[in-house]
Protein backbone atom coordinates (compact mmCIF):
# COMPACT_ATOMS: atom_id res chain seq x y z
CA MET A 1 28.54 18.11 5.89
CA HIS A 2 28.76 17.98 2.19
CA LYS A 3 26.04 17.35 -0.35
CA LEU A 4 24.43 13.82 -0.57
CA CYS A 5 24.45 12.88 -3.78
CA ASP A 6 23.87 14.38 -7.69
CA GLU A 7 20.19 13.20 -7.47
CA PRO A 8 18.06 15.49 -4.92
CA VAL A 9 16.48 13.15 -2.54
CA PRO A 10 12.67 13.88 -2.08
CA LEU A 11 11.72 15.10 1.27
CA SER A 12 8.62 12.24 1.49
CA SER A 13 11.30 9.56 1.29
CA LEU A 14 12.85 10.45 4.55
CA GLN A 15 9.35 10.08 6.29
CA HIS A 16 9.04 6.66 4.48
CA PHE A 17 12.58 5.57 5.16
CA LEU A 18 12.48 6.29 8.75
CA TYR A 19 8.90 4.41 8.89
CA CYS A 20 10.20 1.34 6.86
CA PRO A 21 13.65 1.24 4.69
CA ARG A 22 12.09 -1.32 2.37
CA GLN A 23 8.79 0.56 2.00
CA CYS A 24 10.99 3.81 0.93
CA ALA A 25 12.87 1.41 -1.72
CA LEU A 26 9.87 0.15 -3.26
CA ILE A 27 8.37 3.38 -3.71
CA HIS A 28 11.68 5.38 -4.67
CA VAL A 29 13.90 3.06 -6.21
CA GLU A 30 11.45 0.36 -7.80
CA ARG A 31 8.91 2.89 -8.35
CA VAL A 32 5.87 0.98 -6.91
CA TRP A 33 2.97 2.48 -5.48
CA ALA A 34 -0.27 0.89 -4.23
CA GLU A 35 -3.10 2.94 -2.60
CA ASN A 36 -5.53 1.89 0.54
CA ARG A 37 -7.70 3.76 2.43
CA ALA A 38 -5.30 5.55 4.26
CA THR A 39 -3.27 6.95 1.79
CA ALA A 40 -6.72 8.18 -0.15
CA GLU A 41 -7.83 10.01 2.82
CA GLY A 42 -4.08 11.48 3.28
CA ARG A 43 -3.89 12.41 -0.23
CA VAL A 44 -7.11 14.21 -0.04
CA LEU A 45 -6.56 15.97 2.92
CA HIS A 46 -3.25 17.42 1.08
CA GLU A 47 -5.40 18.55 -1.60
CA ASN A 48 -7.45 20.26 0.38
CA ALA A 49 -4.62 21.94 2.11
CA ASP A 50 -2.86 22.63 -1.13
CA SER A 51 -6.19 23.74 -3.24
CA GLY A 52 -5.99 27.34 -2.44
CA HIS A 53 -3.54 30.13 -3.60
CA GLY A 54 -1.34 32.14 -1.21
CA GLU A 55 -3.22 34.56 0.79
CA THR A 56 -2.10 37.43 3.10
CA ARG A 57 -3.47 37.81 6.80
CA PRO A 58 -2.56 40.55 9.25
CA GLY A 59 1.38 40.02 9.87
CA VAL A 60 1.52 37.17 7.77
CA ARG A 61 1.44 35.96 4.43
CA ILE A 62 0.56 32.49 3.90
CA ALA A 63 2.30 30.45 0.93
CA ARG A 64 0.93 26.81 -0.42
CA SER A 65 2.52 24.00 -2.35
CA LEU A 66 5.85 25.46 -2.16
CA VAL A 67 8.42 23.90 -3.72
CA VAL A 68 12.04 23.89 -1.97
CA THR A 69 15.39 22.54 -2.18
CA SER A 70 18.69 22.50 -0.84
CA THR A 71 21.72 22.31 -2.79
CA LYS A 72 24.35 21.78 0.01
CA TYR A 73 22.25 18.43 1.03
CA ALA A 74 20.61 17.53 -2.30
CA LEU A 75 17.03 17.69 -0.93
CA VAL A 76 13.90 18.46 -2.59
CA GLY A 77 10.05 18.79 -1.73
CA VAL A 78 6.99 20.55 -1.65
CA CYS A 79 5.78 22.26 1.75
CA ASP A 80 1.71 22.42 1.98
CA VAL A 81 1.86 25.28 4.09
CA VAL A 82 4.41 27.92 4.71
CA GLU A 83 3.72 30.85 6.91
CA LEU A 84 5.98 33.93 6.23
CA HIS A 85 5.65 36.30 9.36
CA LYS A 86 6.02 40.33 9.16
CA ASP A 87 8.95 39.82 11.96
CA GLY A 88 10.87 37.52 9.94
CA ARG A 89 9.73 34.09 11.25
CA ILE A 90 9.21 31.58 8.47
CA VAL A 91 6.99 28.44 9.83
CA PRO A 92 6.36 25.12 7.59
CA ILE A 93 3.15 23.55 8.13
CA GLU A 94 2.63 19.59 7.37
CA TYR A 95 -0.42 18.00 7.11
CA LYS A 96 -1.11 14.38 7.87
CA ARG A 97 -4.15 12.18 8.07
CA GLY A 98 -3.94 10.44 11.35
CA ARG A 99 -2.40 11.27 15.09
CA PRO A 100 1.34 12.05 16.51
CA LYS A 101 3.31 8.76 16.15
CA SER A 102 5.89 6.91 18.43
CA HIS A 103 8.36 7.32 15.90
CA ARG A 104 9.67 10.53 14.49
CA ALA A 105 8.91 9.94 10.61
CA ASP A 106 6.86 12.97 10.48
CA GLU A 107 9.13 15.15 12.28
CA VAL A 108 11.90 14.37 10.32
CA GLN A 109 9.95 15.33 6.90
CA ILE A 110 9.16 18.55 8.39
CA CYS A 111 12.44 19.35 9.48
CA ALA A 112 14.01 18.63 6.23
CA GLN A 113 11.30 21.33 5.24
CA ALA A 114 12.98 24.08 7.56
CA ILE A 115 16.27 22.78 6.35
CA CYS A 116 15.33 23.55 2.68
CA LEU A 117 13.64 26.92 3.44
CA GLU A 118 16.69 28.05 5.15
CA SER A 119 18.47 27.39 2.01
CA GLN A 120 15.87 28.93 -0.17
CA PHE A 121 15.60 32.21 1.57
CA LYS A 122 19.46 32.47 2.35
CA LEU A 123 19.35 31.87 6.17
CA PRO A 124 21.72 30.87 8.27
CA GLU A 125 21.19 26.72 9.51
CA GLY A 126 19.19 26.80 12.84
CA SER A 127 17.41 30.27 11.86
CA ILE A 128 13.97 28.24 11.48
CA GLN A 129 13.45 26.96 15.10
CA SER A 130 9.74 25.30 14.85
CA GLY A 131 6.92 24.30 12.75
CA PHE A 132 3.67 22.41 12.99
CA ILE A 133 2.17 19.30 11.81
CA PHE A 134 -1.70 19.41 11.58
CA TYR A 135 -3.33 15.83 12.05
CA GLY A 136 -6.52 15.09 10.38
CA LYS A 137 -7.65 12.92 13.51
CA GLN A 138 -7.08 15.64 16.17
CA LYS A 139 -8.00 18.35 13.71
CA ARG A 140 -5.09 20.48 15.51
CA ARG A 141 -1.76 21.46 15.07
CA THR A 142 1.28 19.64 16.97
CA LEU A 143 4.50 21.72 17.73
CA VAL A 144 7.97 20.52 16.33
CA LEU A 145 10.88 21.79 17.34
CA PHE A 146 13.90 21.79 14.96
CA ASP A 147 16.49 21.15 17.66
CA THR A 148 20.46 20.01 16.98
CA GLU A 149 19.04 16.08 17.73
CA LEU A 150 16.10 16.18 15.16
CA ARG A 151 18.34 18.12 12.44
CA SER A 152 21.07 15.46 13.08
CA LEU A 153 18.77 12.96 12.58
CA THR A 154 17.29 14.17 9.63
CA LEU A 155 20.38 14.70 7.59
CA SER A 156 21.58 11.30 8.95
CA ILE A 157 18.41 9.56 7.35
CA ALA A 158 18.93 11.89 4.00
CA ALA A 159 22.35 10.33 3.58
CA SER A 160 20.83 6.64 4.16
CA VAL A 161 18.33 7.12 1.59
CA ALA A 162 20.74 8.73 -0.83
CA LYS A 163 23.10 5.71 -0.69
CA MET A 164 20.17 3.30 -1.12
CA LYS A 165 19.09 4.94 -4.11
CA GLU A 166 22.69 5.03 -5.36
CA ASP A 167 23.06 1.57 -4.51
CA GLY A 168 19.63 0.90 -6.14
CA GLU A 169 18.99 -2.30 -3.53
CA THR A 170 15.85 -2.80 -1.81
CA PRO A 171 16.14 -4.41 1.78
CA GLN A 172 14.26 -7.37 2.56
CA ALA A 173 10.99 -7.67 3.90
CA THR A 174 10.65 -8.24 7.82
CA TYR A 175 7.16 -8.45 9.06
CA SER A 176 5.86 -6.48 11.84
CA PRO A 177 2.21 -6.51 12.22
CA LYS A 178 2.09 -2.68 13.32
CA LEU A 179 3.99 -1.23 10.58
CA CYS A 180 3.22 -3.75 7.85
CA ASP A 181 -0.73 -4.35 8.36
CA PRO A 182 -1.68 -0.63 7.30
CA CYS A 183 0.95 -0.33 4.96
CA SER A 184 -0.63 0.37 1.28
CA LEU A 185 2.26 -1.95 -0.37
CA LYS A 186 1.62 -4.99 2.00
CA GLU A 187 0.12 -6.92 -0.94
CA LEU A 188 3.63 -5.92 -3.35
CA CYS A 189 5.73 -6.41 -0.38
CA GLN A 190 4.34 -9.73 0.88
CA PRO A 191 6.32 -9.38 4.23
CA LYS A 192 4.75 -12.91 5.50
CA ALA A 193 5.60 -14.51 2.36
CA MET A 194 9.35 -13.43 2.76
CA ARG A 195 9.28 -14.59 6.43
CA LEU A 196 8.18 -17.99 5.61
CA LYS A 197 10.62 -18.31 2.80
CA ARG A 198 13.45 -17.22 4.99
CA GLY A 199 12.28 -19.56 7.61
CA THR A 200 12.04 -22.63 5.14
CA ALA A 201 15.68 -21.80 3.89
CA SER A 202 16.95 -21.65 7.50
CA TRP A 203 15.12 -25.07 8.33
CA PHE A 204 16.90 -26.66 5.59
CA LYS A 205 20.10 -25.44 6.20
CA THR A 206 19.81 -26.82 9.39
CA GLN A 207 18.69 -30.37 8.47
CA LEU A 208 21.70 -30.07 6.05
CA GLU A 209 23.94 -29.31 8.76
CA ALA A 210 22.71 -31.92 10.83
CA ARG A 211 23.34 -34.69 8.05
CA ILE A 212 27.09 -33.61 7.89
């Protein structure tokens, strides 16, 4: 697969896109942001994870807030924690405030970290086989395997984000209570208003066609 675009795609945007393409566009194309309780708690969790310096423990060196890139796939981002084991294993660890989700947005984000780490350390693709997501609600690590399916999904999402950023277009809002209600951008996005607007336009179109 060739490089996606000239401007690197932020790793966080992959998680945003898989959660909601419109949310991703609002943040990474229109450059807007709003915070709610969930995002504030997530920010504090990341600050606590990233606040310490690197350290060395028996058999492992721990790096925090490690900036990583992949020139081949035009990706860039920051790993919360990376464990560099004496036996050569490299293990990324991502911190999230909530619980494991039904979608794969968090898994895609940490898989992209692994892809960048392989590039950074000049390792063959597929060398980093797994990582962990630490969920704040559960207060424990969840294992993520970077298998072929997840890697393919990750690069596919990266390509979609790159195209969206290149086109500069924001998708229309589609209201989903499960996704929209907890979103910090709900008031800026106005998904219910967009649905009402489309419904009104559809009604007028139907009335007009009925009169022809």
